[in-house]
Amino acid sequence: MGGEFPHARTQRSGAPSRAMRITIIGHHTLLADSIAVTLEREGHLVATVDFSHPQSSLATALAAALRSMGRLVLLEHDLGHIGNGMRLIAPLTTAGATVVLITESRNQVHWGEAIQQGAKDVLHKSRSLKDVVTIAQRVRDGLPLMSRDERATLVHTAVTDREEARTFRARLDRLTEPEMAVLGALMKGASALDIARTRLTTKETVRSQIKSILAKLEVTSQLAAVGAAHRVAWEPPLR
């Protein structure tokens, strides 16, 4: 289609009364098609965005979605080779769509981030097709999908996580270059003895550095230090 690989495939509905235009952006064809057929039976006009072409991207998928532009957009979190569906929430919301994120994640931080980006609800993949139908009905009728308290709780979770990550990154900046190298090795599963051998130093010196790392990061164990560093996607600077 004119060089734009993703395109929207529209399903025909046999019951036009109270029909609503719905767009599905999903990586898993079986899931997307199952939802489309179910909503079609409810009388809705459904378009699915196809981005199976290897050169498809988030940008071309967004362009295709905007062309079909349903009032409701059901957006899968994991969009396979084109990336993270969360990045499409804001532009779709800005364009006027009600976006619902469909995800395998139960991480409330991810859910809160989706709400912050503009999603009106988050639907776990374990939920039934009946729940999808209910969402479509509520959007069609202008009803909220999530209570204010639910939204506030999820957003608070995301904001708190972001603040904690920012605080921990600031603590990481306290480390000296040798300490950063030691922490990087610990993150790869190396022991104090392994690190000592690699860095041509003594085991006691490495243990002293680890003790300093824990103090500066304000944690009580190597496991906590390594876990927190992974959580903020920290990597030691290249030499």
C-alpha atoms as a PDB file:
ATOM      1  CA  MET A   1       0.000   0.000   0.000  1.00  0.00           C
ATOM      2  CA  GLY A   2       2.074   2.862  -1.311  1.00  0.00           C
ATOM      3  CA  GLY A   3       5.137   1.827   0.708  1.00  0.00           C
ATOM      4  CA  GLU A   4       3.405   2.032   4.108  1.00  0.00           C
ATOM      5  CA  PHE A   5       3.546  -1.515   5.324  1.00  0.00           C
ATOM      6  CA  PRO A   6       1.040  -1.594   8.194  1.00  0.00           C
ATOM      7  CA  HIS A   7      -2.565  -1.240   7.131  1.00  0.00           C
ATOM      8  CA  ALA A   8      -5.942  -1.506   8.753  1.00  0.00           C
ATOM      9  CA  ARG A   9      -8.174  -4.413   7.801  1.00  0.00           C
ATOM     10  CA  THR A  10     -11.832  -3.576   8.358  1.00  0.00           C
ATOM     11  CA  GLN A  11     -14.314  -6.221   9.438  1.00  0.00           C
ATOM     12  CA  ARG A  12     -17.876  -6.060   8.137  1.00  0.00           C
ATOM     13  CA  SER A  13     -20.626  -5.769  10.704  1.00  0.00           C
ATOM     14  CA  GLY A  14     -24.102  -7.056  10.172  1.00  0.00           C
ATOM     15  CA  ALA A  15     -25.714  -4.903  12.879  1.00  0.00           C
ATOM     16  CA  PRO A  16     -25.042  -1.210  12.265  1.00  0.00           C
ATOM     17  CA  SER A  17     -27.295   0.074  15.058  1.00  0.00           C
ATOM     18  CA  ARG A  18     -25.308   1.602  17.907  1.00  0.00           C
ATOM     19  CA  ALA A  19     -22.146   0.548  16.081  1.00  0.00           C
ATOM     20  CA  MET A  20     -18.843   2.056  17.134  1.00  0.00           C
ATOM     21  CA  ARG A  21     -15.621   2.132  15.173  1.00  0.00           C
ATOM     22  CA  ILE A  22     -12.884   0.174  16.957  1.00  0.00           C
ATOM     23  CA  THR A  23      -9.222  -0.241  16.038  1.00  0.00           C
ATOM     24  CA  ILE A  24      -7.128  -3.175  17.244  1.00  0.00           C
ATOM     25  CA  ILE A  25      -3.330  -2.927  17.279  1.00  0.00           C
ATOM     26  CA  GLY A  26      -1.982  -6.317  18.252  1.00  0.00           C
ATOM     27  CA  HIS A  27       1.083  -8.466  17.694  1.00  0.00           C
ATOM     28  CA  HIS A  28      -0.701 -11.774  18.262  1.00  0.00           C
ATOM     29  CA  THR A  29      -2.943 -12.419  15.268  1.00  0.00           C
ATOM     30  CA  LEU A  30      -5.104 -15.037  16.988  1.00  0.00           C
ATOM     31  CA  LEU A  31      -5.864 -12.686  19.876  1.00  0.00           C
ATOM     32  CA  ALA A  32      -6.571  -9.719  17.607  1.00  0.00           C
ATOM     33  CA  ASP A  33      -8.802 -11.741  15.290  1.00  0.00           C
ATOM     34  CA  SER A  34     -10.712 -13.304  18.203  1.00  0.00           C
ATOM     35  CA  ILE A  35     -11.416  -9.879  19.670  1.00  0.00           C
ATOM     36  CA  ALA A  36     -12.372  -8.515  16.250  1.00  0.00           C
ATOM     37  CA  VAL A  37     -14.872 -11.306  15.566  1.00  0.00           C
ATOM     38  CA  THR A  38     -16.407 -10.944  19.033  1.00  0.00           C
ATOM     39  CA  LEU A  39     -16.847  -7.180  18.710  1.00  0.00           C
ATOM     40  CA  GLU A  40     -18.119  -7.535  15.151  1.00  0.00           C
ATOM     41  CA  ARG A  41     -20.897  -9.797  16.438  1.00  0.00           C
ATOM     42  CA  GLU A  42     -21.845  -7.009  18.831  1.00  0.00           C
ATOM     43  CA  GLY A  43     -22.401  -4.740  15.822  1.00  0.00           C
ATOM     44  CA  HIS A  44     -19.177  -2.743  15.930  1.00  0.00           C
ATOM     45  CA  LEU A  45     -17.037  -1.740  12.956  1.00  0.00           C
ATOM     46  CA  VAL A  46     -13.622  -3.227  13.635  1.00  0.00           C
ATOM     47  CA  ALA A  47     -10.297  -2.552  11.927  1.00  0.00           C
ATOM     48  CA  THR A  48      -7.097  -4.414  12.804  1.00  0.00           C
ATOM     49  CA  VAL A  49      -3.696  -2.904  12.091  1.00  0.00           C
ATOM     50  CA  ASP A  50      -1.469  -5.365  10.260  1.00  0.00           C
ATOM     51  CA  PHE A  51       2.255  -4.810  10.773  1.00  0.00           C
ATOM     52  CA  SER A  52       3.541  -8.229   9.798  1.00  0.00           C
ATOM     53  CA  HIS A  53       5.847  -6.765   7.148  1.00  0.00           C
ATOM     54  CA  PRO A  54       9.456  -6.956   8.435  1.00  0.00           C
ATOM     55  CA  GLN A  55      10.026  -3.270   7.692  1.00  0.00           C
ATOM     56  CA  SER A  56       7.024  -2.124   9.704  1.00  0.00           C
ATOM     57  CA  SER A  57       7.703   0.194  12.631  1.00  0.00           C
ATOM     58  CA  LEU A  58       5.866   1.963  15.424  1.00  0.00           C
ATOM     59  CA  ALA A  59       5.622   5.028  13.180  1.00  0.00           C
ATOM     60  CA  THR A  60       4.012   3.178  10.281  1.00  0.00           C
ATOM     61  CA  ALA A  61       1.708   1.259  12.627  1.00  0.00           C
ATOM     62  CA  LEU A  62       0.616   4.564  14.173  1.00  0.00           C
ATOM     63  CA  ALA A  63      -0.036   6.043  10.728  1.00  0.00           C
ATOM     64  CA  ALA A  64      -2.217   3.063   9.807  1.00  0.00           C
ATOM     65  CA  ALA A  65      -4.091   3.275  13.113  1.00  0.00           C
ATOM     66  CA  LEU A  66      -4.742   6.985  12.637  1.00  0.00           C
ATOM     67  CA  ARG A  67      -6.166   6.327   9.182  1.00  0.00           C
ATOM     68  CA  SER A  68      -8.696   3.822  10.536  1.00  0.00           C
ATOM     69  CA  MET A  69      -9.005   5.742  13.824  1.00  0.00           C
ATOM     70  CA  GLY A  70     -11.622   4.043  15.918  1.00  0.00           C
ATOM     71  CA  ARG A  71     -13.258   5.770  18.848  1.00  0.00           C
ATOM     72  CA  LEU A  72     -11.836   2.896  20.897  1.00  0.00           C
ATOM     73  CA  VAL A  73      -8.315   1.572  20.327  1.00  0.00           C
ATOM     74  CA  LEU A  74      -7.373  -1.777  21.852  1.00  0.00           C
ATOM     75  CA  LEU A  75      -3.586  -1.688  22.000  1.00  0.00           C
ATOM     76  CA  GLU A  76      -1.348  -4.629  22.810  1.00  0.00           C
ATOM     77  CA  HIS A  77       1.587  -3.854  25.094  1.00  0.00           C
ATOM     78  CA  ASP A  78       4.083  -6.097  23.318  1.00  0.00           C
ATOM     79  CA  LEU A  79       4.078  -5.356  19.590  1.00  0.00           C
ATOM     80  CA  GLY A  80       6.787  -7.837  18.722  1.00  0.00           C
ATOM     81  CA  HIS A  81       9.462  -6.677  16.308  1.00  0.00           C
ATOM     82  CA  ILE A  82       8.169  -3.101  16.135  1.00  0.00           C
ATOM     83  CA  GLY A  83       8.517  -2.443  19.868  1.00  0.00           C
ATOM     84  CA  ASN A  84       6.623  -1.302  22.946  1.00  0.00           C
ATOM     85  CA  GLY A  85       2.981  -0.457  22.346  1.00  0.00           C
ATOM     86  CA  MET A  86       3.018   1.948  25.309  1.00  0.00           C
ATOM     87  CA  ARG A  87       4.767   4.443  23.040  1.00  0.00           C
ATOM     88  CA  LEU A  88       1.611   4.718  20.941  1.00  0.00           C
ATOM     89  CA  ILE A  89      -0.720   5.593  23.816  1.00  0.00           C
ATOM     90  CA  ALA A  90       0.001   9.331  23.938  1.00  0.00           C
ATOM     91  CA  PRO A  91      -0.303  10.059  20.189  1.00  0.00           C
ATOM     92  CA  LEU A  92      -3.465   7.971  19.891  1.00  0.00           C
ATOM     93  CA  THR A  93      -4.983   9.715  22.910  1.00  0.00           C
ATOM     94  CA  THR A  94      -4.012  13.114  21.528  1.00  0.00           C
ATOM     95  CA  ALA A  95      -5.798  12.188  18.292  1.00  0.00           C
ATOM     96  CA  GLY A  96      -8.986  11.621  20.282  1.00  0.00           C
ATOM     97  CA  ALA A  97      -9.102   7.859  20.799  1.00  0.00           C
ATOM     98  CA  THR A  98     -10.009   6.046  24.001  1.00  0.00           C
ATOM     99  CA  VAL A  99      -7.036   3.726  24.448  1.00  0.00           C
ATOM    100  CA  VAL A 100      -7.133   0.474  26.418  1.00  0.00           C
ATOM    101  CA  LEU A 101      -3.830  -1.353  26.871  1.00  0.00           C
ATOM    102  CA  ILE A 102      -3.894  -5.159  26.666  1.00  0.00           C
ATOM    103  CA  THR A 103      -0.944  -6.710  28.473  1.00  0.00           C
ATOM    104  CA  GLU A 104       0.570  -9.884  29.899  1.00  0.00           C
ATOM    105  CA  SER A 105       2.246  -7.855  32.643  1.00  0.00           C
ATOM    106  CA  ARG A 106       0.811  -7.707  36.140  1.00  0.00           C
ATOM    107  CA  ASN A 107       3.343  -5.051  37.113  1.00  0.00           C
ATOM    108  CA  GLN A 108       1.348  -2.175  38.578  1.00  0.00           C
ATOM    109  CA  VAL A 109       4.140   0.233  37.654  1.00  0.00           C
ATOM    110  CA  HIS A 110       3.573  -0.561  33.963  1.00  0.00           C
ATOM    111  CA  TRP A 111      -0.158  -0.116  34.422  1.00  0.00           C
ATOM    112  CA  GLY A 112       0.342   3.237  36.102  1.00  0.00           C
ATOM    113  CA  GLU A 113       2.674   4.365  33.324  1.00  0.00           C
ATOM    114  CA  ALA A 114       0.010   3.453  30.771  1.00  0.00           C
ATOM    115  CA  ILE A 115      -2.579   5.514  32.641  1.00  0.00           C
ATOM    116  CA  GLN A 116      -0.152   8.431  32.824  1.00  0.00           C
ATOM    117  CA  GLN A 117       0.365   8.217  29.074  1.00  0.00           C
ATOM    118  CA  GLY A 118      -3.386   8.564  28.590  1.00  0.00           C
ATOM    119  CA  ALA A 119      -4.825   5.032  28.586  1.00  0.00           C
ATOM    120  CA  LYS A 120      -8.308   4.803  30.073  1.00  0.00           C
ATOM    121  CA  ASP A 121      -7.916   1.222  31.245  1.00  0.00           C
ATOM    122  CA  VAL A 122      -5.495  -1.704  31.299  1.00  0.00           C
ATOM    123  CA  LEU A 123      -6.737  -5.196  30.517  1.00  0.00           C
ATOM    124  CA  HIS A 124      -4.734  -8.272  31.447  1.00  0.00           C
ATOM    125  CA  LYS A 125      -4.673 -11.018  28.821  1.00  0.00           C
ATOM    126  CA  SER A 126      -6.176 -13.477  31.271  1.00  0.00           C
ATOM    127  CA  ARG A 127      -9.463 -11.554  31.122  1.00  0.00           C
ATOM    128  CA  SER A 128     -12.303 -12.871  28.976  1.00  0.00           C
ATOM    129  CA  LEU A 129     -13.691 -11.638  25.664  1.00  0.00           C
ATOM    130  CA  LYS A 130     -16.821 -10.742  27.618  1.00  0.00           C
ATOM    131  CA  ASP A 131     -14.754  -8.133  29.469  1.00  0.00           C
ATOM    132  CA  VAL A 132     -13.672  -6.645  26.132  1.00  0.00           C
ATOM    133  CA  VAL A 133     -17.317  -6.428  25.065  1.00  0.00           C
ATOM    134  CA  THR A 134     -18.170  -4.655  28.331  1.00  0.00           C
ATOM    135  CA  ILE A 135     -15.374  -2.144  27.746  1.00  0.00           C
ATOM    136  CA  ALA A 136     -16.671  -1.410  24.251  1.00  0.00           C
ATOM    137  CA  GLN A 137     -20.193  -0.930  25.602  1.00  0.00           C
ATOM    138  CA  ARG A 138     -19.013   1.487  28.292  1.00  0.00           C
ATOM    139  CA  VAL A 139     -16.960   3.521  25.816  1.00  0.00           C
ATOM    140  CA  ARG A 140     -19.912   3.636  23.420  1.00  0.00           C
ATOM    141  CA  ASP A 141     -22.185   4.815  26.239  1.00  0.00           C
ATOM    142  CA  GLY A 142     -19.692   7.404  27.490  1.00  0.00           C
ATOM    143  CA  LEU A 143     -19.098   5.665  30.819  1.00  0.00           C
ATOM    144  CA  PRO A 144     -15.752   5.574  32.675  1.00  0.00           C
ATOM    145  CA  LEU A 145     -13.686   2.398  32.465  1.00  0.00           C
ATOM    146  CA  MET A 146     -11.831   2.835  35.738  1.00  0.00           C
ATOM    147  CA  SER A 147     -12.689   4.605  38.970  1.00  0.00           C
ATOM    148  CA  ARG A 148     -10.794   7.706  40.060  1.00  0.00           C
ATOM    149  CA  ASP A 149      -9.375   5.821  43.023  1.00  0.00           C
ATOM    150  CA  GLU A 150      -8.069   3.013  40.799  1.00  0.00           C
ATOM    151  CA  ARG A 151      -6.445   5.492  38.436  1.00  0.00           C
ATOM    152  CA  ALA A 152      -4.939   7.497  41.289  1.00  0.00           C
ATOM    153  CA  THR A 153      -3.507   4.371  42.921  1.00  0.00           C
ATOM    154  CA  LEU A 154      -1.875   3.168  39.704  1.00  0.00           C
ATOM    155  CA  VAL A 155      -0.442   6.588  38.880  1.00  0.00           C
ATOM    156  CA  HIS A 156       0.902   6.923  42.427  1.00  0.00           C
ATOM    157  CA  THR A 157       2.612   3.535  42.072  1.00  0.00           C
ATOM    158  CA  ALA A 158       4.285   4.616  38.833  1.00  0.00           C
ATOM    159  CA  VAL A 159       5.358   7.995  40.221  1.00  0.00           C
ATOM    160  CA  THR A 160       6.760   6.430  43.396  1.00  0.00           C
ATOM    161  CA  ASP A 161       8.726   3.877  41.384  1.00  0.00           C
ATOM    162  CA  ARG A 162      10.156   6.615  39.180  1.00  0.00           C
ATOM    163  CA  GLU A 163      11.192   8.682  42.219  1.00  0.00           C
ATOM    164  CA  GLU A 164      12.839   5.662  43.848  1.00  0.00           C
ATOM    165  CA  ALA A 165      14.713   4.904  40.636  1.00  0.00           C
ATOM    166  CA  ARG A 166      15.899   8.515  40.409  1.00  0.00           C
ATOM    167  CA  THR A 167      17.105   8.389  44.009  1.00  0.00           C
ATOM    168  CA  PHE A 168      18.983   5.137  43.430  1.00  0.00           C
ATOM    169  CA  ARG A 169      20.648   6.462  40.268  1.00  0.00           C
ATOM    170  CA  ALA A 170      21.866   9.431  42.304  1.00  0.00           C
ATOM    171  CA  ARG A 171      23.387   7.018  44.827  1.00  0.00           C
ATOM    172  CA  LEU A 172      25.106   5.123  42.017  1.00  0.00           C
ATOM    173  CA  ASP A 173      26.859   8.351  41.074  1.00  0.00           C
ATOM    174  CA  ARG A 174      28.593   8.261  44.473  1.00  0.00           C
ATOM    175  CA  LEU A 175      30.620   5.204  43.469  1.00  0.00           C
ATOM    176  CA  THR A 176      34.225   5.489  42.408  1.00  0.00           C
ATOM    177  CA  GLU A 177      35.253   3.993  39.062  1.00  0.00           C
ATOM    178  CA  PRO A 178      36.750   0.881  40.724  1.00  0.00           C
ATOM    179  CA  GLU A 179      33.550   0.417  42.748  1.00  0.00           C
ATOM    180  CA  MET A 180      31.458   0.758  39.590  1.00  0.00           C
ATOM    181  CA  ALA A 181      33.565  -1.933  37.951  1.00  0.00           C
ATOM    182  CA  VAL A 182      33.076  -4.218  40.956  1.00  0.00           C
ATOM    183  CA  LEU A 183      29.315  -3.650  40.959  1.00  0.00           C
ATOM    184  CA  GLY A 184      29.218  -4.356  37.236  1.00  0.00           C
ATOM    185  CA  ALA A 185      31.005  -7.656  37.830  1.00  0.00           C
ATOM    186  CA  LEU A 186      28.616  -8.572  40.654  1.00  0.00           C
ATOM    187  CA  MET A 187      25.710  -7.919  38.280  1.00  0.00           C
ATOM    188  CA  LYS A 188      27.195 -10.528  35.945  1.00  0.00           C
ATOM    189  CA  GLY A 189      27.325 -13.091  38.742  1.00  0.00           C
ATOM    190  CA  ALA A 190      31.023 -12.848  39.616  1.00  0.00           C
ATOM    191  CA  SER A 191      32.191 -13.655  43.147  1.00  0.00           C
ATOM    192  CA  ALA A 192      34.604 -11.555  45.182  1.00  0.00           C
ATOM    193  CA  LEU A 193      37.354 -14.066  44.370  1.00  0.00           C
ATOM    194  CA  ASP A 194      36.538 -13.927  40.641  1.00  0.00           C
ATOM    195  CA  ILE A 195      36.684 -10.137  40.709  1.00  0.00           C
ATOM    196  CA  ALA A 196      39.975 -10.136  42.626  1.00  0.00           C
ATOM    197  CA  ARG A 197      41.575 -12.436  40.074  1.00  0.00           C
ATOM    198  CA  THR A 198      40.285 -10.410  37.130  1.00  0.00           C
ATOM    199  CA  ARG A 199      41.375  -7.090  38.618  1.00  0.00           C
ATOM    200  CA  LEU A 200      44.713  -8.450  39.883  1.00  0.00           C
ATOM    201  CA  THR A 201      44.012  -7.490  43.464  1.00  0.00           C
ATOM    202  CA  THR A 202      43.267  -9.249  46.736  1.00  0.00           C
ATOM    203  CA  LYS A 203      39.970 -10.730  47.829  1.00  0.00           C
ATOM    204  CA  GLU A 204      40.108  -8.527  50.930  1.00  0.00           C
ATOM    205  CA  THR A 205      40.359  -5.400  48.768  1.00  0.00           C
ATOM    206  CA  VAL A 206      37.314  -6.433  46.757  1.00  0.00           C
ATOM    207  CA  ARG A 207      35.362  -7.199  49.931  1.00  0.00           C
ATOM    208  CA  SER A 208      36.240  -3.739  51.221  1.00  0.00           C
ATOM    209  CA  GLN A 209      35.005  -2.213  47.964  1.00  0.00           C
ATOM    210  CA  ILE A 210      31.767  -4.196  48.190  1.00  0.00           C
ATOM    211  CA  LYS A 211      31.238  -2.942  51.740  1.00  0.00           C
ATOM    212  CA  SER A 212      31.731   0.627  50.508  1.00  0.00           C
ATOM    213  CA  ILE A 213      29.305   0.033  47.633  1.00  0.00           C
ATOM    214  CA  LEU A 214      26.588  -1.185  49.992  1.00  0.00           C
ATOM    215  CA  ALA A 215      27.073   1.824  52.253  1.00  0.00           C
ATOM    216  CA  LYS A 216      26.919   4.328  49.390  1.00  0.00           C
ATOM    217  CA  LEU A 217      23.864   2.675  47.852  1.00  0.00           C
ATOM    218  CA  GLU A 218      22.218   2.444  51.290  1.00  0.00           C
ATOM    219  CA  VAL A 219      21.395  -1.251  50.941  1.00  0.00           C
ATOM    220  CA  THR A 220      22.248  -4.155  53.230  1.00  0.00           C
ATOM    221  CA  SER A 221      23.207  -6.931  50.824  1.00  0.00           C
ATOM    222  CA  GLN A 222      24.912  -7.631  47.510  1.00  0.00           C
ATOM    223  CA  LEU A 223      21.648  -9.101  46.252  1.00  0.00           C
ATOM    224  CA  ALA A 224      19.785  -5.872  46.988  1.00  0.00           C
ATOM    225  CA  ALA A 225      22.486  -3.793  45.302  1.00  0.00           C
ATOM    226  CA  VAL A 226      22.524  -5.959  42.193  1.00  0.00           C
ATOM    227  CA  GLY A 227      18.725  -6.147  42.022  1.00  0.00           C
ATOM    228  CA  ALA A 228      18.307  -2.389  42.308  1.00  0.00           C
ATOM    229  CA  ALA A 229      21.017  -1.737  39.720  1.00  0.00           C
ATOM    230  CA  HIS A 230      19.294  -4.083  37.266  1.00  0.00           C
ATOM    231  CA  ARG A 231      15.933  -2.474  37.978  1.00  0.00           C
ATOM    232  CA  VAL A 232      17.185   0.952  36.885  1.00  0.00           C
ATOM    233  CA  ALA A 233      19.037  -0.607  33.918  1.00  0.00           C
ATOM    234  CA  TRP A 234      22.381   0.669  35.198  1.00  0.00           C
ATOM    235  CA  GLU A 235      25.610  -0.317  33.488  1.00  0.00           C
ATOM    236  CA  PRO A 236      29.180   0.496  34.529  1.00  0.00           C
ATOM    237  CA  PRO A 237      30.882   3.092  32.328  1.00  0.00           C
ATOM    238  CA  LEU A 238      33.135   1.769  29.587  1.00  0.00           C
ATOM    239  CA  ARG A 239      36.817   2.227  30.165  1.00  0.00           C
END
